[in-house]
PDB file of N, CA and C in Angstrom:
ATOM      1  N   MET A   1      13.656  10.059   4.405  1.00  0.00           N
ATOM      2  CA  MET A   1      12.549   9.841   5.444  1.00  0.00           C
ATOM      3  C   MET A   1      11.293   9.310   4.700  1.00  0.00           C
ATOM      4  N   VAL A   2      10.790   8.253   5.163  1.00  0.00           N
ATOM      5  CA  VAL A   2       9.565   7.669   4.631  1.00  0.00           C
ATOM      6  C   VAL A   2       8.382   8.205   5.356  1.00  0.00           C
ATOM      7  N   LYS A   3       7.459   8.643   4.521  1.00  0.00           N
ATOM      8  CA  LYS A   3       6.167   9.146   5.105  1.00  0.00           C
ATOM      9  C   LYS A   3       5.068   8.120   4.882  1.00  0.00           C
ATOM     10  N   SER A   4       4.310   7.953   5.885  1.00  0.00           N
ATOM     11  CA  SER A   4       3.169   6.956   5.810  1.00  0.00           C
ATOM     12  C   SER A   4       1.902   7.643   6.471  1.00  0.00           C
ATOM     13  N   LYS A   5       0.830   7.270   5.816  1.00  0.00           N
ATOM     14  CA  LYS A   5      -0.465   7.725   6.384  1.00  0.00           C
ATOM     15  C   LYS A   5      -1.156   6.612   7.131  1.00  0.00           C
ATOM     16  N   PHE A   6      -1.963   6.940   8.129  1.00  0.00           N
ATOM     17  CA  PHE A   6      -2.668   5.839   8.787  1.00  0.00           C
ATOM     18  C   PHE A   6      -4.033   6.431   9.205  1.00  0.00           C
ATOM     19  N   MET A   7      -4.950   5.548   9.403  1.00  0.00           N
ATOM     20  CA  MET A   7      -6.259   5.920   9.876  1.00  0.00           C
ATOM     21  C   MET A   7      -6.414   5.350  11.314  1.00  0.00           C
ATOM     22  N   GLN A   8      -7.153   6.170  12.116  1.00  0.00           N
ATOM     23  CA  GLN A   8      -7.328   5.761  13.553  1.00  0.00           C
ATOM     24  C   GLN A   8      -8.824   6.004  13.854  1.00  0.00           C
ATOM     25  N   SER A   9      -9.343   5.100  14.623  1.00  0.00           N
ATOM     26  CA  SER A   9     -10.738   5.331  15.158  1.00  0.00           C
ATOM     27  C   SER A   9     -10.646   5.400  16.712  1.00  0.00           C
ATOM     28  N   LEU A  10     -11.463   6.265  17.228  1.00  0.00           N
ATOM     29  CA  LEU A  10     -11.453   6.526  18.676  1.00  0.00           C
ATOM     30  C   LEU A  10     -12.827   6.333  19.188  1.00  0.00           C
ATOM     31  N   ASP A  11     -12.975   5.841  20.461  1.00  0.00           N
ATOM     32  CA  ASP A  11     -14.262   5.896  21.105  1.00  0.00           C
ATOM     33  C   ASP A  11     -14.710   7.336  21.293  1.00  0.00           C
ATOM     34  N   SER A  12     -15.943   7.515  21.355  1.00  0.00           N
ATOM     35  CA  SER A  12     -16.449   8.946  21.442  1.00  0.00           C
ATOM     36  C   SER A  12     -15.938   9.661  22.646  1.00  0.00           C
ATOM     37  N   HIS A  13     -15.895   8.952  23.789  1.00  0.00           N
ATOM     38  CA  HIS A  13     -15.427   9.620  25.036  1.00  0.00           C
ATOM     39  C   HIS A  13     -13.999   9.992  24.960  1.00  0.00           C
ATOM     40  N   VAL A  14     -13.204   9.178  24.250  1.00  0.00           N
ATOM     41  CA  VAL A  14     -11.771   9.521  24.069  1.00  0.00           C
ATOM     42  C   VAL A  14     -11.631  10.643  23.115  1.00  0.00           C
ATOM     43  N   TYR A  15     -12.412  10.685  22.093  1.00  0.00           N
ATOM     44  CA  TYR A  15     -12.349  11.891  21.158  1.00  0.00           C
ATOM     45  C   TYR A  15     -12.780  13.135  21.887  1.00  0.00           C
ATOM     46  N   LEU A  16     -13.832  13.124  22.704  1.00  0.00           N
ATOM     47  CA  LEU A  16     -14.242  14.248  23.399  1.00  0.00           C
ATOM     48  C   LEU A  16     -13.158  14.757  24.351  1.00  0.00           C
ATOM     49  N   GLU A  17     -12.476  13.830  25.003  1.00  0.00           N
ATOM     50  CA  GLU A  17     -11.409  14.283  25.925  1.00  0.00           C
ATOM     51  C   GLU A  17     -10.237  14.921  25.142  1.00  0.00           C
ATOM     52  N   LEU A  18      -9.901  14.283  24.019  1.00  0.00           N
ATOM     53  CA  LEU A  18      -8.832  14.851  23.170  1.00  0.00           C
ATOM     54  C   LEU A  18      -9.238  16.185  22.589  1.00  0.00           C
ATOM     55  N   SER A  19     -10.539  16.350  22.211  1.00  0.00           N
ATOM     56  CA  SER A  19     -11.041  17.600  21.722  1.00  0.00           C
ATOM     57  C   SER A  19     -10.934  18.690  22.754  1.00  0.00           C
ATOM     58  N   HIS A  20     -11.280  18.362  23.995  1.00  0.00           N
ATOM     59  CA  HIS A  20     -11.226  19.436  25.062  1.00  0.00           C
ATOM     60  C   HIS A  20      -9.757  19.879  25.306  1.00  0.00           C
ATOM     61  N   LEU A  21      -8.840  18.827  25.313  1.00  0.00           N
ATOM     62  CA  LEU A  21      -7.430  19.162  25.465  1.00  0.00           C
ATOM     63  C   LEU A  21      -6.885  20.010  24.274  1.00  0.00           C
ATOM     64  N   ALA A  22      -7.307  19.660  23.126  1.00  0.00           N
ATOM     65  CA  ALA A  22      -6.805  20.444  21.912  1.00  0.00           C
ATOM     66  C   ALA A  22      -7.426  21.825  21.968  1.00  0.00           C
ATOM     67  N   ASN A  23      -8.632  22.015  22.374  1.00  0.00           N
ATOM     68  CA  ASN A  23      -9.214  23.343  22.460  1.00  0.00           C
ATOM     69  C   ASN A  23      -8.474  24.191  23.493  1.00  0.00           C
ATOM     70  N   GLU A  24      -8.143  23.587  24.576  1.00  0.00           N
ATOM     71  CA  GLU A  24      -7.390  24.342  25.658  1.00  0.00           C
ATOM     72  C   GLU A  24      -6.043  24.829  25.075  1.00  0.00           C
ATOM     73  N   LYS A  25      -5.400  24.031  24.216  1.00  0.00           N
ATOM     74  CA  LYS A  25      -4.110  24.388  23.626  1.00  0.00           C
ATOM     75  C   LYS A  25      -4.201  25.213  22.410  1.00  0.00           C
ATOM     76  N   GLY A  26      -5.444  25.400  21.855  1.00  0.00           N
ATOM     77  CA  GLY A  26      -5.648  26.202  20.626  1.00  0.00           C
ATOM     78  C   GLY A  26      -5.244  25.416  19.340  1.00  0.00           C
ATOM     79  N   VAL A  27      -5.331  24.071  19.405  1.00  0.00           N
ATOM     80  CA  VAL A  27      -4.896  23.302  18.187  1.00  0.00           C
ATOM     81  C   VAL A  27      -6.057  22.341  17.813  1.00  0.00           C
ATOM     82  N   SER A  28      -5.935  21.694  16.755  1.00  0.00           N
ATOM     83  CA  SER A  28      -6.928  20.687  16.335  1.00  0.00           C
ATOM     84  C   SER A  28      -6.579  19.341  17.055  1.00  0.00           C
ATOM     85  N   VAL A  29      -7.543  18.403  17.066  1.00  0.00           N
ATOM     86  CA  VAL A  29      -7.243  17.122  17.599  1.00  0.00           C
ATOM     87  C   VAL A  29      -6.059  16.473  16.803  1.00  0.00           C
ATOM     88  N   GLN A  30      -6.117  16.540  15.497  1.00  0.00           N
ATOM     89  CA  GLN A  30      -5.045  15.935  14.686  1.00  0.00           C
ATOM     90  C   GLN A  30      -3.703  16.516  14.987  1.00  0.00           C
ATOM     91  N   GLU A  31      -3.643  17.830  15.204  1.00  0.00           N
ATOM     92  CA  GLU A  31      -2.340  18.444  15.567  1.00  0.00           C
ATOM     93  C   GLU A  31      -1.884  17.939  16.903  1.00  0.00           C
ATOM     94  N   LEU A  32      -2.793  17.887  17.834  1.00  0.00           N
ATOM     95  CA  LEU A  32      -2.446  17.345  19.256  1.00  0.00           C
ATOM     96  C   LEU A  32      -1.952  15.907  19.147  1.00  0.00           C
ATOM     97  N   ILE A  33      -2.541  15.093  18.425  1.00  0.00           N
ATOM     98  CA  ILE A  33      -2.110  13.685  18.309  1.00  0.00           C
ATOM     99  C   ILE A  33      -0.687  13.640  17.649  1.00  0.00           C
ATOM    100  N   ARG A  34      -0.548  14.434  16.558  1.00  0.00           N
ATOM    101  CA  ARG A  34       0.692  14.374  15.756  1.00  0.00           C
ATOM    102  C   ARG A  34       1.820  15.009  16.549  1.00  0.00           C
ATOM    103  N   ALA A  35       1.571  16.102  17.213  1.00  0.00           N
ATOM    104  CA  ALA A  35       2.660  16.913  17.804  1.00  0.00           C
ATOM    105  C   ALA A  35       2.970  16.508  19.284  1.00  0.00           C
ATOM    106  N   ARG A  36       1.952  15.947  19.973  1.00  0.00           N
ATOM    107  CA  ARG A  36       2.198  15.710  21.436  1.00  0.00           C
ATOM    108  C   ARG A  36       1.994  14.236  21.770  1.00  0.00           C
ATOM    109  N   ILE A  37       0.935  13.633  21.391  1.00  0.00           N
ATOM    110  CA  ILE A  37       0.650  12.287  21.891  1.00  0.00           C
ATOM    111  C   ILE A  37       1.556  11.257  21.268  1.00  0.00           C
ATOM    112  N   ILE A  38       1.705  11.242  19.970  1.00  0.00           N
ATOM    113  CA  ILE A  38       2.578  10.278  19.378  1.00  0.00           C
ATOM    114  C   ILE A  38       3.986  10.386  19.814  1.00  0.00           C
ATOM    115  N   PRO A  39       4.646  11.648  19.825  1.00  0.00           N
ATOM    116  CA  PRO A  39       5.999  11.672  20.338  1.00  0.00           C
ATOM    117  C   PRO A  39       6.146  11.220  21.779  1.00  0.00           C
ATOM    118  N   ASP A  40       5.189  11.614  22.660  1.00  0.00           N
ATOM    119  CA  ASP A  40       5.249  11.088  24.036  1.00  0.00           C
ATOM    120  C   ASP A  40       5.150   9.598  24.122  1.00  0.00           C
ATOM    121  N   TRP A  41       4.267   9.016  23.286  1.00  0.00           N
ATOM    122  CA  TRP A  41       4.134   7.571  23.285  1.00  0.00           C
ATOM    123  C   TRP A  41       5.423   6.844  22.860  1.00  0.00           C
ATOM    124  N   ILE A  42       6.031   7.405  21.776  1.00  0.00           N
ATOM    125  CA  ILE A  42       7.300   6.870  21.293  1.00  0.00           C
ATOM    126  C   ILE A  42       8.431   6.969  22.345  1.00  0.00           C
ATOM    127  N   ARG A  43       8.507   8.059  23.030  1.00  0.00           N
ATOM    128  CA  ARG A  43       9.521   8.235  24.126  1.00  0.00           C
ATOM    129  C   ARG A  43       9.242   7.244  25.198  1.00  0.00           C
ATOM    130  N   THR A  44       7.983   7.013  25.563  1.00  0.00           N
ATOM    131  CA  THR A  44       7.680   6.046  26.632  1.00  0.00           C
ATOM    132  C   THR A  44       8.015   4.645  26.216  1.00  0.00           C
ATOM    133  N   LYS A  45       7.678   4.266  24.934  1.00  0.00           N
ATOM    134  CA  LYS A  45       8.017   2.931  24.475  1.00  0.00           C
ATOM    135  C   LYS A  45       9.544   2.719  24.499  1.00  0.00           C
ATOM    136  N   ILE A  46      10.321   3.687  24.054  1.00  0.00           N
ATOM    137  CA  ILE A  46      11.814   3.600  24.024  1.00  0.00           C
ATOM    138  C   ILE A  46      12.295   3.407  25.441  1.00  0.00           C
ATOM    139  N   ALA A  47      11.855   4.257  26.391  1.00  0.00           N
ATOM    140  CA  ALA A  47      12.307   4.202  27.733  1.00  0.00           C
ATOM    141  C   ALA A  47      11.948   2.874  28.321  1.00  0.00           C
ATOM    142  N   ARG A  48      10.729   2.301  28.116  1.00  0.00           N
ATOM    143  CA  ARG A  48      10.362   1.026  28.619  1.00  0.00           C
ATOM    144  C   ARG A  48      11.240  -0.099  28.067  1.00  0.00           C
ATOM    145  N   SER A  49      11.532  -0.049  26.720  1.00  0.00           N
ATOM    146  CA  SER A  49      12.368  -1.137  26.105  1.00  0.00           C
ATOM    147  C   SER A  49      13.753  -1.008  26.701  1.00  0.00           C
ATOM    148  N   ARG A  50      14.230   0.158  26.984  1.00  0.00           N
ATOM    149  CA  ARG A  50      15.611   0.262  27.577  1.00  0.00           C
ATOM    150  C   ARG A  50      15.667  -0.286  29.008  1.00  0.00           C
ATOM    151  N   ARG A  51      14.544  -0.286  29.661  1.00  0.00           N
ATOM    152  CA  ARG A  51      14.486  -0.840  31.037  1.00  0.00           C
ATOM    153  C   ARG A  51      14.173  -2.305  31.050  1.00  0.00           C
ATOM    154  N   GLY A  52      13.992  -2.914  29.866  1.00  0.00           N
ATOM    155  CA  GLY A  52      13.827  -4.339  29.793  1.00  0.00           C
ATOM    156  C   GLY A  52      12.376  -4.753  29.732  1.00  0.00           C
ATOM    157  N   PHE A  53      11.425  -3.877  29.474  1.00  0.00           N
ATOM    158  CA  PHE A  53      10.022  -4.246  29.421  1.00  0.00           C
ATOM    159  C   PHE A  53       9.662  -4.724  28.054  1.00  0.00           C
ATOM    160  N   GLY A  54      10.410  -4.377  27.003  1.00  0.00           N
ATOM    161  CA  GLY A  54      10.095  -4.819  25.651  1.00  0.00           C
ATOM    162  C   GLY A  54       8.803  -4.257  25.168  1.00  0.00           C
ATOM    163  N   ASP A  55       8.307  -4.918  24.088  1.00  0.00           N
ATOM    164  CA  ASP A  55       7.091  -4.600  23.478  1.00  0.00           C
ATOM    165  C   ASP A  55       5.915  -5.548  23.867  1.00  0.00           C
ATOM    166  N   SER A  56       5.579  -5.567  25.143  1.00  0.00           N
ATOM    167  CA  SER A  56       4.593  -6.352  25.640  1.00  0.00           C
ATOM    168  C   SER A  56       3.215  -5.953  25.112  1.00  0.00           C
ATOM    169  N   VAL A  57       2.391  -6.896  24.916  1.00  0.00           N
ATOM    170  CA  VAL A  57       0.995  -6.633  24.457  1.00  0.00           C
ATOM    171  C   VAL A  57       0.029  -7.176  25.514  1.00  0.00           C
ATOM    172  N   THR A  58      -0.851  -6.322  25.957  1.00  0.00           N
ATOM    173  CA  THR A  58      -1.830  -6.770  27.006  1.00  0.00           C
ATOM    174  C   THR A  58      -3.266  -6.677  26.452  1.00  0.00           C
ATOM    175  N   ARG A  59      -4.189  -7.422  26.999  1.00  0.00           N
ATOM    176  CA  ARG A  59      -5.555  -7.413  26.572  1.00  0.00           C
ATOM    177  C   ARG A  59      -6.375  -6.828  27.689  1.00  0.00           C
ATOM    178  N   ARG A  60      -7.131  -5.814  27.336  1.00  0.00           N
ATOM    179  CA  ARG A  60      -8.032  -5.100  28.316  1.00  0.00           C
ATOM    180  C   ARG A  60      -9.384  -4.970  27.644  1.00  0.00           C
ATOM    181  N   GLN A  61     -10.391  -5.395  28.347  1.00  0.00           N
ATOM    182  CA  GLN A  61     -11.810  -5.237  27.862  1.00  0.00           C
ATOM    183  C   GLN A  61     -11.955  -5.703  26.447  1.00  0.00           C
ATOM    184  N   GLY A  62     -11.363  -6.802  26.013  1.00  0.00           N
ATOM    185  CA  GLY A  62     -11.531  -7.398  24.743  1.00  0.00           C
ATOM    186  C   GLY A  62     -10.725  -6.692  23.654  1.00  0.00           C
ATOM    187  N   ARG A  63      -9.933  -5.778  23.981  1.00  0.00           N
ATOM    188  CA  ARG A  63      -9.115  -5.069  22.963  1.00  0.00           C
ATOM    189  C   ARG A  63      -7.647  -5.327  23.243  1.00  0.00           C
ATOM    190  N   ILE A  64      -6.846  -5.262  22.168  1.00  0.00           N
ATOM    191  CA  ILE A  64      -5.424  -5.457  22.419  1.00  0.00           C
ATOM    192  C   ILE A  64      -4.720  -4.082  22.343  1.00  0.00           C
ATOM    193  N   TRP A  65      -3.903  -3.869  23.330  1.00  0.00           N
ATOM    194  CA  TRP A  65      -3.147  -2.626  23.488  1.00  0.00           C
ATOM    195  C   TRP A  65      -1.637  -2.982  23.309  1.00  0.00           C
ATOM    196  N   ALA A  66      -0.953  -2.228  22.560  1.00  0.00           N
ATOM    197  CA  ALA A  66       0.533  -2.520  22.430  1.00  0.00           C
ATOM    198  C   ALA A  66       1.269  -1.547  23.323  1.00  0.00           C
TER     199      ALA A  66
END
């Protein structure tokens, strides 16, 4: 298993929302992202690719979202 580190920046309103969710669950924001958000995102990406949507990239408000 290959381990990699990455850095992420969030808009303040996104961080506050994640912070509230993490506090409700009694975990840190980092734990919430690592244990819940990333696995859910991966499952969604796999399901979309199986339905033929692939890895489309869209542009919203000047930002690129994969």
